[in-house]
C-alpha atoms as a PDB file:
ATOM      1  CA  MET A   1       4.003 -12.881 -11.679  1.00  0.00           C
ATOM      2  CA  ILE A   2       2.345 -10.907  -8.925  1.00  0.00           C
ATOM      3  CA  THR A   3       0.854  -7.556  -9.934  1.00  0.00           C
ATOM      4  CA  ILE A   4      -0.402  -4.638  -7.903  1.00  0.00           C
ATOM      5  CA  ASP A   5      -3.928  -5.468  -9.070  1.00  0.00           C
ATOM      6  CA  SER A   6      -3.669  -9.056  -7.827  1.00  0.00           C
ATOM      7  CA  LEU A   7      -2.215  -7.885  -4.512  1.00  0.00           C
ATOM      8  CA  MET A   8      -5.110  -5.454  -4.049  1.00  0.00           C
ATOM      9  CA  ARG A   9      -7.556  -8.335  -4.475  1.00  0.00           C
ATOM     10  CA  ILE A  10      -6.008 -10.812  -2.024  1.00  0.00           C
ATOM     11  CA  SER A  11      -7.564  -9.299   1.080  1.00  0.00           C
ATOM     12  CA  PRO A  12      -9.961  -6.391   1.544  1.00  0.00           C
ATOM     13  CA  VAL A  13      -7.773  -4.914   4.294  1.00  0.00           C
ATOM     14  CA  ILE A  14      -4.019  -4.428   3.963  1.00  0.00           C
ATOM     15  CA  PRO A  15      -2.436  -3.858   7.361  1.00  0.00           C
ATOM     16  CA  VAL A  16      -0.273  -0.725   7.418  1.00  0.00           C
ATOM     17  CA  LEU A  17       2.404  -1.551   9.960  1.00  0.00           C
ATOM     18  CA  VAL A  18       4.831   0.562  11.966  1.00  0.00           C
ATOM     19  CA  VAL A  19       7.132  -1.906  13.698  1.00  0.00           C
ATOM     20  CA  ASP A  20      10.299  -0.852  15.487  1.00  0.00           C
ATOM     21  CA  ASP A  21      11.374  -4.214  16.922  1.00  0.00           C
ATOM     22  CA  PRO A  22      12.499  -6.893  14.449  1.00  0.00           C
ATOM     23  CA  ALA A  23      12.230  -9.495  17.227  1.00  0.00           C
ATOM     24  CA  LYS A  24       8.434  -9.080  17.127  1.00  0.00           C
ATOM     25  CA  ALA A  25       8.139  -9.166  13.336  1.00  0.00           C
ATOM     26  CA  GLN A  26       7.683 -12.885  12.688  1.00  0.00           C
ATOM     27  CA  ARG A  27       5.179 -13.341  15.504  1.00  0.00           C
ATOM     28  CA  LEU A  28       3.120 -10.406  14.219  1.00  0.00           C
ATOM     29  CA  ALA A  29       3.270 -11.650  10.626  1.00  0.00           C
ATOM     30  CA  ARG A  30       2.166 -15.166  11.668  1.00  0.00           C
ATOM     31  CA  ALA A  31      -0.790 -13.726  13.604  1.00  0.00           C
ATOM     32  CA  LEU A  32      -1.850 -11.508  10.692  1.00  0.00           C
ATOM     33  CA  VAL A  33      -1.565 -14.294   8.119  1.00  0.00           C
ATOM     34  CA  ALA A  34      -3.591 -16.581  10.413  1.00  0.00           C
ATOM     35  CA  LYS A  35      -6.353 -13.934  10.388  1.00  0.00           C
ATOM     36  CA  GLY A  36      -6.329 -13.784   6.577  1.00  0.00           C
ATOM     37  CA  HIS A  37      -4.089 -10.739   6.159  1.00  0.00           C
ATOM     38  CA  ARG A  38      -1.442 -12.047   3.769  1.00  0.00           C
ATOM     39  CA  VAL A  39      -0.433  -8.718   2.202  1.00  0.00           C
ATOM     40  CA  LEU A  40       1.563  -6.774   4.794  1.00  0.00           C
ATOM     41  CA  GLU A  41       2.764  -3.206   4.283  1.00  0.00           C
ATOM     42  CA  VAL A  42       5.704  -2.329   6.532  1.00  0.00           C
ATOM     43  CA  THR A  43       6.185   1.425   6.575  1.00  0.00           C
ATOM     44  CA  LEU A  44       9.626   2.970   6.435  1.00  0.00           C
ATOM     45  CA  ARG A  45       8.849   5.013   9.527  1.00  0.00           C
ATOM     46  CA  THR A  46      11.312   3.288  11.842  1.00  0.00           C
ATOM     47  CA  PRO A  47      15.048   2.622  11.551  1.00  0.00           C
ATOM     48  CA  ALA A  48      14.306  -1.112  11.816  1.00  0.00           C
ATOM     49  CA  ALA A  49      11.794  -1.265   8.940  1.00  0.00           C
ATOM     50  CA  LEU A  50      14.080  -3.024   6.457  1.00  0.00           C
ATOM     51  CA  GLU A  51      15.032  -5.677   8.998  1.00  0.00           C
ATOM     52  CA  VAL A  52      11.379  -6.059   9.994  1.00  0.00           C
ATOM     53  CA  MET A  53      10.491  -6.743   6.337  1.00  0.00           C
ATOM     54  CA  GLN A  54      13.198  -9.398   6.116  1.00  0.00           C
ATOM     55  CA  GLU A  55      11.898 -11.138   9.238  1.00  0.00           C
ATOM     56  CA  MET A  56       8.244 -10.995   8.178  1.00  0.00           C
ATOM     57  CA  ALA A  57       9.113 -12.391   4.754  1.00  0.00           C
ATOM     58  CA  LYS A  58      10.236 -15.617   6.453  1.00  0.00           C
ATOM     59  CA  VAL A  59       6.633 -16.347   7.457  1.00  0.00           C
ATOM     60  CA  ASP A  60       4.784 -18.762   5.167  1.00  0.00           C
ATOM     61  CA  GLY A  61       1.949 -17.066   3.352  1.00  0.00           C
ATOM     62  CA  ALA A  62       3.113 -13.509   4.040  1.00  0.00           C
ATOM     63  CA  ILE A  63       3.531 -11.151   1.090  1.00  0.00           C
ATOM     64  CA  VAL A  64       5.627  -8.368   2.548  1.00  0.00           C
ATOM     65  CA  GLY A  65       6.101  -4.967   0.993  1.00  0.00           C
ATOM     66  CA  ALA A  66       7.296  -1.526   1.901  1.00  0.00           C
ATOM     67  CA  GLY A  67       5.206   1.540   2.609  1.00  0.00           C
ATOM     68  CA  THR A  68       6.108   5.212   2.907  1.00  0.00           C
ATOM     69  CA  VAL A  69       8.659   4.850   0.102  1.00  0.00           C
ATOM     70  CA  ILE A  70       9.402   8.390  -1.040  1.00  0.00           C
ATOM     71  CA  ASN A  71      12.415   8.161  -3.354  1.00  0.00           C
ATOM     72  CA  ALA A  72      14.439   5.849  -5.583  1.00  0.00           C
ATOM     73  CA  ALA A  73      17.132   5.264  -2.944  1.00  0.00           C
ATOM     74  CA  GLN A  74      14.535   3.924  -0.521  1.00  0.00           C
ATOM     75  CA  LEU A  75      13.069   1.817  -3.324  1.00  0.00           C
ATOM     76  CA  ARG A  76      16.485   0.250  -3.962  1.00  0.00           C
ATOM     77  CA  ALA A  77      16.938  -0.456  -0.241  1.00  0.00           C
ATOM     78  CA  CYS A  78      13.528  -2.167  -0.123  1.00  0.00           C
ATOM     79  CA  LEU A  79      14.347  -4.234  -3.198  1.00  0.00           C
ATOM     80  CA  SER A  80      17.629  -5.297  -1.573  1.00  0.00           C
ATOM     81  CA  VAL A  81      15.767  -6.864   1.358  1.00  0.00           C
ATOM     82  CA  GLY A  82      13.218  -8.619  -0.829  1.00  0.00           C
ATOM     83  CA  ALA A  83      10.175  -6.351  -0.664  1.00  0.00           C
ATOM     84  CA  ARG A  84       7.469  -7.818  -2.938  1.00  0.00           C
ATOM     85  CA  PHE A  85       5.694  -4.481  -3.525  1.00  0.00           C
ATOM     86  CA  VAL A  86       6.100  -0.801  -2.672  1.00  0.00           C
ATOM     87  CA  VAL A  87       3.605   1.843  -1.621  1.00  0.00           C
ATOM     88  CA  SER A  88       4.253   5.568  -1.689  1.00  0.00           C
ATOM     89  CA  PRO A  89       2.300   8.397  -0.052  1.00  0.00           C
ATOM     90  CA  GLY A  90       2.578  10.388  -3.283  1.00  0.00           C
ATOM     91  CA  LEU A  91       3.449  10.173  -6.959  1.00  0.00           C
ATOM     92  CA  THR A  92       6.669  11.613  -8.328  1.00  0.00           C
ATOM     93  CA  GLU A  93       7.980  10.836 -11.754  1.00  0.00           C
ATOM     94  CA  PRO A  94      11.492   9.790 -10.612  1.00  0.00           C
ATOM     95  CA  LEU A  95      10.109   7.293  -8.081  1.00  0.00           C
ATOM     96  CA  ALA A  96       7.462   5.983 -10.481  1.00  0.00           C
ATOM     97  CA  ARG A  97      10.008   5.488 -13.267  1.00  0.00           C
ATOM     98  CA  ALA A  98      12.393   3.686 -10.906  1.00  0.00           C
ATOM     99  CA  ALA A  99       9.609   1.402  -9.660  1.00  0.00           C
ATOM    100  CA  ILE A 100       8.386   0.663 -13.185  1.00  0.00           C
ATOM    101  CA  LYS A 101      11.934  -0.067 -14.354  1.00  0.00           C
ATOM    102  CA  SER A 102      12.486  -2.454 -11.430  1.00  0.00           C
ATOM    103  CA  GLY A 103       9.289  -4.351 -12.222  1.00  0.00           C
ATOM    104  CA  ILE A 104       8.084  -4.322  -8.613  1.00  0.00           C
ATOM    105  CA  PRO A 105       4.348  -3.853  -8.054  1.00  0.00           C
ATOM    106  CA  PHE A 106       3.936  -0.175  -7.204  1.00  0.00           C
ATOM    107  CA  LEU A 107       1.033   1.634  -5.527  1.00  0.00           C
ATOM    108  CA  PRO A 108       1.596   5.402  -5.566  1.00  0.00           C
ATOM    109  CA  GLY A 109      -0.474   7.812  -3.512  1.00  0.00           C
ATOM    110  CA  VAL A 110      -2.850  10.248  -5.178  1.00  0.00           C
ATOM    111  CA  ALA A 111      -5.179  12.921  -3.834  1.00  0.00           C
ATOM    112  CA  SER A 112      -6.152  14.878  -6.959  1.00  0.00           C
ATOM    113  CA  ALA A 113      -7.161  14.516 -10.601  1.00  0.00           C
ATOM    114  CA  SER A 114      -3.728  15.845 -11.607  1.00  0.00           C
ATOM    115  CA  ASP A 115      -2.034  13.101  -9.572  1.00  0.00           C
ATOM    116  CA  ILE A 116      -4.154  10.451 -11.286  1.00  0.00           C
ATOM    117  CA  MET A 117      -3.500  11.921 -14.742  1.00  0.00           C
ATOM    118  CA  ARG A 118       0.261  11.941 -14.057  1.00  0.00           C
ATOM    119  CA  GLY A 119       0.029   8.294 -13.038  1.00  0.00           C
ATOM    120  CA  LEU A 120      -1.962   7.359 -16.128  1.00  0.00           C
ATOM    121  CA  GLU A 121       0.654   9.078 -18.322  1.00  0.00           C
ATOM    122  CA  LEU A 122       3.246   6.823 -16.699  1.00  0.00           C
ATOM    123  CA  GLY A 123       1.150   3.723 -17.387  1.00  0.00           C
ATOM    124  CA  LEU A 124      -0.245   3.339 -13.867  1.00  0.00           C
ATOM    125  CA  ASP A 125      -3.918   2.830 -13.035  1.00  0.00           C
ATOM    126  CA  ARG A 126      -3.865   1.455  -9.488  1.00  0.00           C
ATOM    127  CA  PHE A 127      -3.466   4.026  -6.733  1.00  0.00           C
ATOM    128  CA  LYS A 128      -3.460   4.585  -3.001  1.00  0.00           C
ATOM    129  CA  PHE A 129      -5.967   7.360  -2.217  1.00  0.00           C
ATOM    130  CA  PHE A 130      -4.118   9.214   0.530  1.00  0.00           C
ATOM    131  CA  PRO A 131      -4.786  10.752   2.966  1.00  0.00           C
ATOM    132  CA  ALA A 132      -8.263   9.397   2.338  1.00  0.00           C
ATOM    133  CA  VAL A 133     -10.298  11.059   5.069  1.00  0.00           C
ATOM    134  CA  ALA A 134      -8.342  14.335   5.146  1.00  0.00           C
ATOM    135  CA  ALA A 135      -8.525  14.564   1.331  1.00  0.00           C
ATOM    136  CA  GLY A 136     -12.322  14.618   1.428  1.00  0.00           C
ATOM    137  CA  GLY A 137     -13.326  11.064   2.212  1.00  0.00           C
ATOM    138  CA  ILE A 138     -15.770   9.020   0.179  1.00  0.00           C
ATOM    139  CA  PRO A 139     -17.354  12.042  -1.577  1.00  0.00           C
ATOM    140  CA  ALA A 140     -13.932  13.131  -2.854  1.00  0.00           C
ATOM    141  CA  LEU A 141     -13.006   9.645  -4.050  1.00  0.00           C
ATOM    142  CA  LYS A 142     -16.371   9.279  -5.821  1.00  0.00           C
ATOM    143  CA  ALA A 143     -15.747  12.578  -7.612  1.00  0.00           C
ATOM    144  CA  LEU A 144     -12.205  11.562  -8.577  1.00  0.00           C
ATOM    145  CA  ALA A 145     -13.138   8.053  -9.696  1.00  0.00           C
ATOM    146  CA  ALA A 146     -15.948   9.216 -12.002  1.00  0.00           C
ATOM    147  CA  PRO A 147     -13.739  10.434 -14.885  1.00  0.00           C
ATOM    148  CA  PHE A 148     -11.176   7.676 -14.319  1.00  0.00           C
ATOM    149  CA  ALA A 149     -13.240   4.483 -14.631  1.00  0.00           C
ATOM    150  CA  GLN A 150     -10.163   2.408 -15.496  1.00  0.00           C
ATOM    151  CA  CYS A 151      -8.569   3.127 -12.104  1.00  0.00           C
ATOM    152  CA  ARG A 152      -8.798   1.218  -8.837  1.00  0.00           C
ATOM    153  CA  PHE A 153      -7.981   2.682  -5.441  1.00  0.00           C
ATOM    154  CA  CYS A 154      -6.782   1.563  -2.028  1.00  0.00           C
ATOM    155  CA  PRO A 155      -7.914   4.321   0.357  1.00  0.00           C
ATOM    156  CA  THR A 156      -5.566   4.768   3.287  1.00  0.00           C
ATOM    157  CA  GLY A 157      -5.323   7.381   6.003  1.00  0.00           C
ATOM    158  CA  GLY A 158      -8.110   7.769   8.493  1.00  0.00           C
ATOM    159  CA  ILE A 159      -9.905   4.548   7.538  1.00  0.00           C
ATOM    160  CA  THR A 160     -11.102   2.664  10.621  1.00  0.00           C
ATOM    161  CA  GLU A 161     -12.519  -0.756  11.287  1.00  0.00           C
ATOM    162  CA  ALA A 162     -15.927   0.929  11.627  1.00  0.00           C
ATOM    163  CA  THR A 163     -15.703   2.748   8.265  1.00  0.00           C
ATOM    164  CA  ALA A 164     -13.842   0.209   6.121  1.00  0.00           C
ATOM    165  CA  ALA A 165     -17.032  -1.437   4.812  1.00  0.00           C
ATOM    166  CA  GLU A 166     -18.315   1.910   3.474  1.00  0.00           C
ATOM    167  CA  TRP A 167     -15.164   2.314   1.399  1.00  0.00           C
ATOM    168  CA  LEU A 168     -15.130  -1.314   0.281  1.00  0.00           C
ATOM    169  CA  ALA A 169     -18.712  -0.974  -0.990  1.00  0.00           C
ATOM    170  CA  LEU A 170     -17.390   1.230  -3.818  1.00  0.00           C
ATOM    171  CA  ASP A 171     -16.852  -0.772  -7.028  1.00  0.00           C
ATOM    172  CA  TYR A 172     -13.431   0.773  -7.645  1.00  0.00           C
ATOM    173  CA  VAL A 173     -12.111   0.021  -4.126  1.00  0.00           C
ATOM    174  CA  PRO A 174     -10.899  -3.592  -3.872  1.00  0.00           C
ATOM    175  CA  CYS A 175      -9.066  -2.947  -0.598  1.00  0.00           C
ATOM    176  CA  VAL A 176      -8.294  -0.396   2.080  1.00  0.00           C
ATOM    177  CA  GLY A 177      -5.152   0.219   4.091  1.00  0.00           C
ATOM    178  CA  GLY A 178      -5.651  -0.153   7.811  1.00  0.00           C
ATOM    179  CA  SER A 179      -3.333   0.937  10.577  1.00  0.00           C
ATOM    180  CA  TRP A 180      -5.894  -0.244  13.146  1.00  0.00           C
ATOM    181  CA  VAL A 181      -5.293  -3.920  12.290  1.00  0.00           C
ATOM    182  CA  ALA A 182      -2.161  -4.201  14.420  1.00  0.00           C
ATOM    183  CA  THR A 183      -0.336  -1.915  16.783  1.00  0.00           C
ATOM    184  CA  ILE A 184       3.024  -2.766  18.240  1.00  0.00           C
END
């Protein structure tokens, strides 16, 4: 069984994708997988996102999930098209409970100690630190990670190809989310 922890360790950079043309989805997924990016986060920022996920999932080696999932209805829609994981920009109890109940690997967004504590109370200890740069960058994540040694983070939001290595040098950061990896 795939877990959010194992997904976070497959590749140090998870492409965060905004794709509005399903006809381009398989070609993009093949190119990303060929470059070692097997875990692909397709954001729900376009009307075609669900169809894009279905097309990308047809590519050998691609592990396709949904990003920008903000409620249980969107979670159900993503599950219906075969999403292998879900990522949320925040952490709400209704969404977390629905994701946990479904069994899908879930990476909720956090930006504060209270967010992390709420996640821990729900049994979660893997988080997306979002928006990483706007929320204070590496100094903020260091401060947050200190009292929560059991947690691991995937910083996303403002990370660039030039700064990714700085984030990945932190012991509690197995991966970063990168929108720079592919633009369509």
